[in-house]
Amino acid sequence: MRSNKILKAILFISIVLIGAIYFLYRPSTFPIGLQALESIVSVIILSMTLLFISKAKPKWLNIIKIRNIELGLYFGLLWTVEISINNIIRPGLPLRDIVDNSFWASIAILILFTAIYYAYHTKKISQGMISGFWSGLASGAVACISALILIVFGMNLILLDPLNIKEWNDIKTISNLNSMATYYAYQTLAGAIMHLVILGALMGVLLGFIGGIIGKTYRTLKNK
């Protein structure tokens, strides 16, 4: 169950990092306001995810044993690479969009093929969906913590990005935030949670469903 423990640790550390972000990057409305609400909602989402994993029934734990979380953690490292490229190499447009889409497509394909594999061997669409959920959730968790670590320990990288500088110069006069760092801290936080929920768990279930249909159909046709 090592991969299960790693995923729990990632979620717990992510909660701690959000607490750090809340106190490090204080908007003019601190301690209340939209940024405080964003932090609270993010902590709730992570806490509920952590609780779900901790209380998962044996049926779900059996899926963990067949390496879906472990595979998802490896898939998530691709998100870490993508985040690093964007904030260290800082390619311009349209190259950055190409890089982002390439990494997204690669992770999606890996989740899809994982779901196909388990659906094929079990002849169950549901197994593909569960596989997609766990691998997607784990990959999203790695993306989430990577982004949060960047906010807390690598804000200077974000502030040096020419695209970010341009965006801030365009909106700073209408923004209610008191600094570029605060603006991107909460923009990046929103992206981190989006990777966990939308590009992680939800995309995983969808790809798992598609993979489940493909895997079961192929197995059925092969056995005829």
C-alpha atoms as a PDB file:
ATOM      1  CA  MET A   1       0.000   0.000   0.000  1.00  0.00           C
ATOM      2  CA  ARG A   2       3.020   2.303  -0.374  1.00  0.00           C
ATOM      3  CA  SER A   3       1.478   4.212  -3.272  1.00  0.00           C
ATOM      4  CA  ASN A   4      -1.696   4.761  -1.218  1.00  0.00           C
ATOM      5  CA  LYS A   5       0.380   6.256   1.611  1.00  0.00           C
ATOM      6  CA  ILE A   6       2.266   8.474  -0.840  1.00  0.00           C
ATOM      7  CA  LEU A   7      -0.997   9.812  -2.245  1.00  0.00           C
ATOM      8  CA  LYS A   8      -2.291  10.549   1.261  1.00  0.00           C
ATOM      9  CA  ALA A   9       0.954  12.340   2.097  1.00  0.00           C
ATOM     10  CA  ILE A  10       0.707  14.433  -1.071  1.00  0.00           C
ATOM     11  CA  LEU A  11      -2.818  15.533  -0.169  1.00  0.00           C
ATOM     12  CA  PHE A  12      -1.892  16.311   3.428  1.00  0.00           C
ATOM     13  CA  ILE A  13       1.184  18.331   2.435  1.00  0.00           C
ATOM     14  CA  SER A  14      -0.945  20.165  -0.126  1.00  0.00           C
ATOM     15  CA  ILE A  15      -3.317  21.258   2.651  1.00  0.00           C
ATOM     16  CA  VAL A  16      -0.356  22.572   4.667  1.00  0.00           C
ATOM     17  CA  LEU A  17       0.970  24.440   1.618  1.00  0.00           C
ATOM     18  CA  ILE A  18      -2.397  26.147   1.082  1.00  0.00           C
ATOM     19  CA  GLY A  19      -2.239  27.353   4.674  1.00  0.00           C
ATOM     20  CA  ALA A  20       1.214  28.775   3.966  1.00  0.00           C
ATOM     21  CA  ILE A  21      -0.044  30.485   0.794  1.00  0.00           C
ATOM     22  CA  TYR A  22      -2.909  32.093   2.718  1.00  0.00           C
ATOM     23  CA  PHE A  23      -0.516  33.729   5.189  1.00  0.00           C
ATOM     24  CA  LEU A  24       2.342  34.453   2.766  1.00  0.00           C
ATOM     25  CA  TYR A  25       0.282  36.204   0.094  1.00  0.00           C
ATOM     26  CA  ARG A  26      -2.142  38.486   1.871  1.00  0.00           C
ATOM     27  CA  PRO A  27      -4.573  40.486  -0.233  1.00  0.00           C
ATOM     28  CA  SER A  28      -5.817  43.869   0.907  1.00  0.00           C
ATOM     29  CA  THR A  29      -8.971  42.207   2.296  1.00  0.00           C
ATOM     30  CA  PHE A  30      -6.985  39.756   4.487  1.00  0.00           C
ATOM     31  CA  PRO A  31      -8.114  37.774   6.490  1.00  0.00           C
ATOM     32  CA  ILE A  32     -11.423  37.653   4.587  1.00  0.00           C
ATOM     33  CA  GLY A  33     -12.410  38.031   0.948  1.00  0.00           C
ATOM     34  CA  LEU A  34     -12.461  35.901  -2.195  1.00  0.00           C
ATOM     35  CA  GLN A  35      -8.907  34.669  -1.673  1.00  0.00           C
ATOM     36  CA  ALA A  36      -9.763  33.442   1.807  1.00  0.00           C
ATOM     37  CA  LEU A  37     -12.814  31.682   0.375  1.00  0.00           C
ATOM     38  CA  GLU A  38     -10.685  30.113  -2.371  1.00  0.00           C
ATOM     39  CA  SER A  39      -8.259  28.826   0.256  1.00  0.00           C
ATOM     40  CA  ILE A  40     -11.051  27.380   2.408  1.00  0.00           C
ATOM     41  CA  VAL A  41     -12.757  25.655  -0.539  1.00  0.00           C
ATOM     42  CA  SER A  42      -9.420  24.231  -1.691  1.00  0.00           C
ATOM     43  CA  VAL A  43      -8.685  22.840   1.768  1.00  0.00           C
ATOM     44  CA  ILE A  44     -12.179  21.313   1.927  1.00  0.00           C
ATOM     45  CA  ILE A  45     -11.719  19.616  -1.461  1.00  0.00           C
ATOM     46  CA  LEU A  46      -8.346  18.189  -0.460  1.00  0.00           C
ATOM     47  CA  SER A  47      -9.607  17.125   2.969  1.00  0.00           C
ATOM     48  CA  MET A  48     -12.635  15.344   1.500  1.00  0.00           C
ATOM     49  CA  THR A  49     -10.398  13.587  -1.019  1.00  0.00           C
ATOM     50  CA  LEU A  50      -8.040  12.515   1.741  1.00  0.00           C
ATOM     51  CA  LEU A  51     -10.966  11.283   3.856  1.00  0.00           C
ATOM     52  CA  PHE A  52     -12.396   9.347   0.911  1.00  0.00           C
ATOM     53  CA  ILE A  53      -9.091   7.569   0.323  1.00  0.00           C
ATOM     54  CA  SER A  54      -8.704   6.811   4.036  1.00  0.00           C
ATOM     55  CA  LYS A  55     -12.236   5.381   4.273  1.00  0.00           C
ATOM     56  CA  ALA A  56     -12.267   3.605   0.896  1.00  0.00           C
ATOM     57  CA  LYS A  57     -14.024   0.247   0.952  1.00  0.00           C
ATOM     58  CA  PRO A  58     -12.152  -3.005   0.196  1.00  0.00           C
ATOM     59  CA  LYS A  59     -13.515  -3.049  -3.373  1.00  0.00           C
ATOM     60  CA  TRP A  60     -11.710   0.209  -4.041  1.00  0.00           C
ATOM     61  CA  LEU A  61      -8.591  -0.871  -2.157  1.00  0.00           C
ATOM     62  CA  ASN A  62      -8.281  -3.894  -4.436  1.00  0.00           C
ATOM     63  CA  ILE A  63      -7.919  -1.487  -7.331  1.00  0.00           C
ATOM     64  CA  ILE A  64      -5.175   0.322  -5.454  1.00  0.00           C
ATOM     65  CA  LYS A  65      -3.305  -2.967  -5.155  1.00  0.00           C
ATOM     66  CA  ILE A  66      -3.185  -3.389  -8.925  1.00  0.00           C
ATOM     67  CA  ARG A  67      -1.056  -0.272  -9.259  1.00  0.00           C
ATOM     68  CA  ASN A  68      -3.500   2.312 -10.549  1.00  0.00           C
ATOM     69  CA  ILE A  69      -2.446   4.876  -7.952  1.00  0.00           C
ATOM     70  CA  GLU A  70       1.210   4.015  -8.455  1.00  0.00           C
ATOM     71  CA  LEU A  71       0.863   4.437 -12.209  1.00  0.00           C
ATOM     72  CA  GLY A  72      -1.025   7.689 -11.705  1.00  0.00           C
ATOM     73  CA  LEU A  73       1.781   9.054  -9.537  1.00  0.00           C
ATOM     74  CA  TYR A  74       4.219   8.355 -12.357  1.00  0.00           C
ATOM     75  CA  PHE A  75       1.860   9.938 -14.896  1.00  0.00           C
ATOM     76  CA  GLY A  76       1.640  13.008 -12.669  1.00  0.00           C
ATOM     77  CA  LEU A  77       5.376  13.556 -12.954  1.00  0.00           C
ATOM     78  CA  LEU A  78       4.682  14.616 -16.541  1.00  0.00           C
ATOM     79  CA  TRP A  79       2.602  17.483 -15.137  1.00  0.00           C
ATOM     80  CA  THR A  80       5.583  18.396 -12.953  1.00  0.00           C
ATOM     81  CA  VAL A  81       7.814  18.482 -16.019  1.00  0.00           C
ATOM     82  CA  GLU A  82       5.277  20.650 -17.872  1.00  0.00           C
ATOM     83  CA  ILE A  83       5.055  23.082 -14.943  1.00  0.00           C
ATOM     84  CA  SER A  84       8.861  23.220 -14.786  1.00  0.00           C
ATOM     85  CA  ILE A  85       9.169  23.956 -18.498  1.00  0.00           C
ATOM     86  CA  ASN A  86       6.627  26.770 -18.300  1.00  0.00           C
ATOM     87  CA  ASN A  87       8.270  28.401 -15.291  1.00  0.00           C
ATOM     88  CA  ILE A  88      11.974  27.766 -15.894  1.00  0.00           C
ATOM     89  CA  ILE A  89      12.421  27.658 -19.672  1.00  0.00           C
ATOM     90  CA  ARG A  90       9.364  29.899 -20.216  1.00  0.00           C
ATOM     91  CA  PRO A  91       8.633  29.265 -23.905  1.00  0.00           C
ATOM     92  CA  GLY A  92       6.627  31.952 -25.651  1.00  0.00           C
ATOM     93  CA  LEU A  93       3.401  31.622 -27.577  1.00  0.00           C
ATOM     94  CA  PRO A  94       2.337  29.568 -29.476  1.00  0.00           C
ATOM     95  CA  LEU A  95       5.033  27.099 -28.356  1.00  0.00           C
ATOM     96  CA  ARG A  96       3.817  27.117 -24.765  1.00  0.00           C
ATOM     97  CA  ASP A  97       0.322  26.078 -25.822  1.00  0.00           C
ATOM     98  CA  ILE A  98       1.828  23.272 -27.891  1.00  0.00           C
ATOM     99  CA  VAL A  99       3.874  22.088 -24.897  1.00  0.00           C
ATOM    100  CA  ASP A 100       0.844  22.235 -22.581  1.00  0.00           C
ATOM    101  CA  ASN A 101      -1.394  20.346 -25.001  1.00  0.00           C
ATOM    102  CA  SER A 102       1.286  17.735 -25.682  1.00  0.00           C
ATOM    103  CA  PHE A 103       1.710  16.901 -22.004  1.00  0.00           C
ATOM    104  CA  TRP A 104      -2.058  16.882 -21.439  1.00  0.00           C
ATOM    105  CA  ALA A 105      -2.546  14.533 -24.398  1.00  0.00           C
ATOM    106  CA  SER A 106       0.266  12.224 -23.223  1.00  0.00           C
ATOM    107  CA  ILE A 107      -1.223  11.890 -19.736  1.00  0.00           C
ATOM    108  CA  ALA A 108      -4.718  11.354 -21.144  1.00  0.00           C
ATOM    109  CA  ILE A 109      -3.455   8.597 -23.445  1.00  0.00           C
ATOM    110  CA  LEU A 110      -1.642   6.864 -20.579  1.00  0.00           C
ATOM    111  CA  ILE A 111      -4.777   6.919 -18.405  1.00  0.00           C
ATOM    112  CA  LEU A 112      -6.885   5.670 -21.323  1.00  0.00           C
ATOM    113  CA  PHE A 113      -4.578   2.747 -22.078  1.00  0.00           C
ATOM    114  CA  THR A 114      -4.419   1.831 -18.397  1.00  0.00           C
ATOM    115  CA  ALA A 115      -8.225   1.685 -18.303  1.00  0.00           C
ATOM    116  CA  ILE A 116      -8.314  -0.381 -21.502  1.00  0.00           C
ATOM    117  CA  TYR A 117      -5.828  -2.832 -20.007  1.00  0.00           C
ATOM    118  CA  TYR A 118      -7.824  -3.467 -16.823  1.00  0.00           C
ATOM    119  CA  ALA A 119     -11.187  -3.550 -18.596  1.00  0.00           C
ATOM    120  CA  TYR A 120      -9.789  -6.046 -21.088  1.00  0.00           C
ATOM    121  CA  HIS A 121      -8.480  -8.379 -18.394  1.00  0.00           C
ATOM    122  CA  THR A 122     -11.564  -8.150 -16.184  1.00  0.00           C
ATOM    123  CA  LYS A 123     -14.185  -7.802 -18.953  1.00  0.00           C
ATOM    124  CA  LYS A 124     -15.807  -5.023 -16.928  1.00  0.00           C
ATOM    125  CA  ILE A 125     -16.404  -1.427 -17.993  1.00  0.00           C
ATOM    126  CA  SER A 126     -16.654  -0.455 -14.339  1.00  0.00           C
ATOM    127  CA  GLN A 127     -13.114  -1.702 -13.780  1.00  0.00           C
ATOM    128  CA  GLY A 128     -11.897   0.625 -16.499  1.00  0.00           C
ATOM    129  CA  MET A 129     -13.712   3.558 -14.862  1.00  0.00           C
ATOM    130  CA  ILE A 130     -12.273   2.778 -11.437  1.00  0.00           C
ATOM    131  CA  SER A 131      -8.832   2.421 -12.974  1.00  0.00           C
ATOM    132  CA  GLY A 132      -9.222   5.758 -14.720  1.00  0.00           C
ATOM    133  CA  PHE A 133     -10.421   7.415 -11.522  1.00  0.00           C
ATOM    134  CA  TRP A 134      -7.458   6.317  -9.404  1.00  0.00           C
ATOM    135  CA  SER A 135      -4.770   6.931 -12.004  1.00  0.00           C
ATOM    136  CA  GLY A 136      -6.349  10.271 -12.888  1.00  0.00           C
ATOM    137  CA  LEU A 137      -6.717  11.330  -9.257  1.00  0.00           C
ATOM    138  CA  ALA A 138      -3.126  10.410  -8.439  1.00  0.00           C
ATOM    139  CA  SER A 139      -1.748  12.228 -11.481  1.00  0.00           C
ATOM    140  CA  GLY A 140      -3.818  15.290 -10.591  1.00  0.00           C
ATOM    141  CA  ALA A 141      -2.548  15.187  -7.008  1.00  0.00           C
ATOM    142  CA  VAL A 142       1.055  15.304  -8.219  1.00  0.00           C
ATOM    143  CA  ALA A 143       0.216  18.257 -10.474  1.00  0.00           C
ATOM    144  CA  CYS A 144      -1.519  19.958  -7.552  1.00  0.00           C
ATOM    145  CA  ILE A 145       1.363  19.663  -5.104  1.00  0.00           C
ATOM    146  CA  SER A 146       3.865  20.653  -7.810  1.00  0.00           C
ATOM    147  CA  ALA A 147       1.975  23.904  -8.419  1.00  0.00           C
ATOM    148  CA  LEU A 148       1.616  24.603  -4.689  1.00  0.00           C
ATOM    149  CA  ILE A 149       5.329  24.040  -4.082  1.00  0.00           C
ATOM    150  CA  LEU A 150       6.027  26.469  -6.922  1.00  0.00           C
ATOM    151  CA  ILE A 151       3.862  29.128  -5.256  1.00  0.00           C
ATOM    152  CA  VAL A 152       5.506  28.772  -1.835  1.00  0.00           C
ATOM    153  CA  PHE A 153       9.113  28.222  -2.867  1.00  0.00           C
ATOM    154  CA  GLY A 154       9.371  29.418  -6.475  1.00  0.00           C
ATOM    155  CA  MET A 155       7.305  32.590  -6.762  1.00  0.00           C
ATOM    156  CA  ASN A 156      10.296  34.403  -8.288  1.00  0.00           C
ATOM    157  CA  LEU A 157      10.089  32.022 -11.258  1.00  0.00           C
ATOM    158  CA  ILE A 158       6.446  32.954 -11.790  1.00  0.00           C
ATOM    159  CA  LEU A 159       7.177  36.670 -11.513  1.00  0.00           C
ATOM    160  CA  LEU A 160       9.961  36.481 -14.121  1.00  0.00           C
ATOM    161  CA  ASP A 161       7.704  34.952 -16.776  1.00  0.00           C
ATOM    162  CA  PRO A 162       7.230  37.524 -19.588  1.00  0.00           C
ATOM    163  CA  LEU A 163       3.696  36.291 -20.262  1.00  0.00           C
ATOM    164  CA  ASN A 164       2.775  36.722 -16.611  1.00  0.00           C
ATOM    165  CA  ILE A 165       4.327  40.186 -16.500  1.00  0.00           C
ATOM    166  CA  LYS A 166       2.316  41.248 -19.534  1.00  0.00           C
ATOM    167  CA  GLU A 167      -0.931  39.865 -18.094  1.00  0.00           C
ATOM    168  CA  TRP A 168      -0.370  41.616 -14.767  1.00  0.00           C
ATOM    169  CA  ASN A 169       0.403  44.934 -16.474  1.00  0.00           C
ATOM    170  CA  ASP A 170      -2.851  44.607 -18.406  1.00  0.00           C
ATOM    171  CA  ILE A 171      -5.073  43.913 -15.388  1.00  0.00           C
ATOM    172  CA  LYS A 172      -3.336  45.468 -12.369  1.00  0.00           C
ATOM    173  CA  THR A 173      -5.282  48.709 -12.632  1.00  0.00           C
ATOM    174  CA  ILE A 174      -8.586  46.859 -12.334  1.00  0.00           C
ATOM    175  CA  SER A 175      -7.450  44.133  -9.940  1.00  0.00           C
ATOM    176  CA  ASN A 176      -8.341  44.366  -6.260  1.00  0.00           C
ATOM    177  CA  LEU A 177      -5.101  42.591  -5.349  1.00  0.00           C
ATOM    178  CA  ASN A 178      -2.162  44.517  -4.002  1.00  0.00           C
ATOM    179  CA  SER A 179       0.688  42.746  -5.806  1.00  0.00           C
ATOM    180  CA  MET A 180       1.578  40.571  -8.765  1.00  0.00           C
ATOM    181  CA  ALA A 181       2.753  37.838  -6.390  1.00  0.00           C
ATOM    182  CA  THR A 182      -0.619  37.701  -4.634  1.00  0.00           C
ATOM    183  CA  TYR A 183      -2.450  37.648  -7.958  1.00  0.00           C
ATOM    184  CA  TYR A 184      -0.470  34.697  -9.297  1.00  0.00           C
ATOM    185  CA  ALA A 185      -0.447  32.864  -5.980  1.00  0.00           C
ATOM    186  CA  TYR A 186      -4.221  32.506  -6.148  1.00  0.00           C
ATOM    187  CA  GLN A 187      -4.344  32.065  -9.919  1.00  0.00           C
ATOM    188  CA  THR A 188      -1.911  29.167  -9.587  1.00  0.00           C
ATOM    189  CA  LEU A 189      -3.799  27.780  -6.590  1.00  0.00           C
ATOM    190  CA  ALA A 190      -6.963  27.651  -8.684  1.00  0.00           C
ATOM    191  CA  GLY A 191      -5.040  25.838 -11.417  1.00  0.00           C
ATOM    192  CA  ALA A 192      -3.667  23.350  -8.898  1.00  0.00           C
ATOM    193  CA  ILE A 193      -7.148  22.385  -7.680  1.00  0.00           C
ATOM    194  CA  MET A 194      -8.404  22.239 -11.286  1.00  0.00           C
ATOM    195  CA  HIS A 195      -5.682  19.711 -12.106  1.00  0.00           C
ATOM    196  CA  LEU A 196      -6.705  17.571  -9.141  1.00  0.00           C
ATOM    197  CA  VAL A 197     -10.454  17.617  -9.747  1.00  0.00           C
ATOM    198  CA  ILE A 198     -11.067  18.268 -13.458  1.00  0.00           C
ATOM    199  CA  LEU A 199      -7.890  17.114 -15.212  1.00  0.00           C
ATOM    200  CA  GLY A 200      -7.406  14.432 -12.582  1.00  0.00           C
ATOM    201  CA  ALA A 201     -10.410  12.622 -11.142  1.00  0.00           C
ATOM    202  CA  LEU A 202     -13.129  13.708 -13.594  1.00  0.00           C
ATOM    203  CA  MET A 203     -10.999  13.276 -16.705  1.00  0.00           C
ATOM    204  CA  GLY A 204      -9.880   9.933 -15.316  1.00  0.00           C
ATOM    205  CA  VAL A 205     -13.455   8.684 -14.918  1.00  0.00           C
ATOM    206  CA  LEU A 206     -14.366   9.828 -18.437  1.00  0.00           C
ATOM    207  CA  LEU A 207     -11.305   8.227 -20.000  1.00  0.00           C
ATOM    208  CA  GLY A 208     -11.896   5.168 -17.822  1.00  0.00           C
ATOM    209  CA  PHE A 209     -15.415   4.844 -19.209  1.00  0.00           C
ATOM    210  CA  ILE A 210     -14.158   5.113 -22.792  1.00  0.00           C
ATOM    211  CA  GLY A 211     -11.296   2.750 -22.063  1.00  0.00           C
ATOM    212  CA  GLY A 212     -13.666   0.361 -20.337  1.00  0.00           C
ATOM    213  CA  ILE A 213     -15.888   0.162 -23.410  1.00  0.00           C
ATOM    214  CA  ILE A 214     -12.897  -0.343 -25.707  1.00  0.00           C
ATOM    215  CA  GLY A 215     -11.275  -2.952 -23.478  1.00  0.00           C
ATOM    216  CA  LYS A 216     -14.417  -4.992 -22.861  1.00  0.00           C
ATOM    217  CA  THR A 217     -15.509  -4.783 -26.509  1.00  0.00           C
ATOM    218  CA  TYR A 218     -12.111  -5.897 -27.762  1.00  0.00           C
ATOM    219  CA  ARG A 219     -12.049  -8.794 -25.313  1.00  0.00           C
ATOM    220  CA  THR A 220     -15.562  -9.842 -26.336  1.00  0.00           C
ATOM    221  CA  LEU A 221     -14.751  -9.711 -30.049  1.00  0.00           C
ATOM    222  CA  LYS A 222     -11.490 -11.566 -29.518  1.00  0.00           C
ATOM    223  CA  ASN A 223     -13.220 -14.424 -27.722  1.00  0.00           C
ATOM    224  CA  LYS A 224     -15.801 -14.958 -30.473  1.00  0.00           C
END
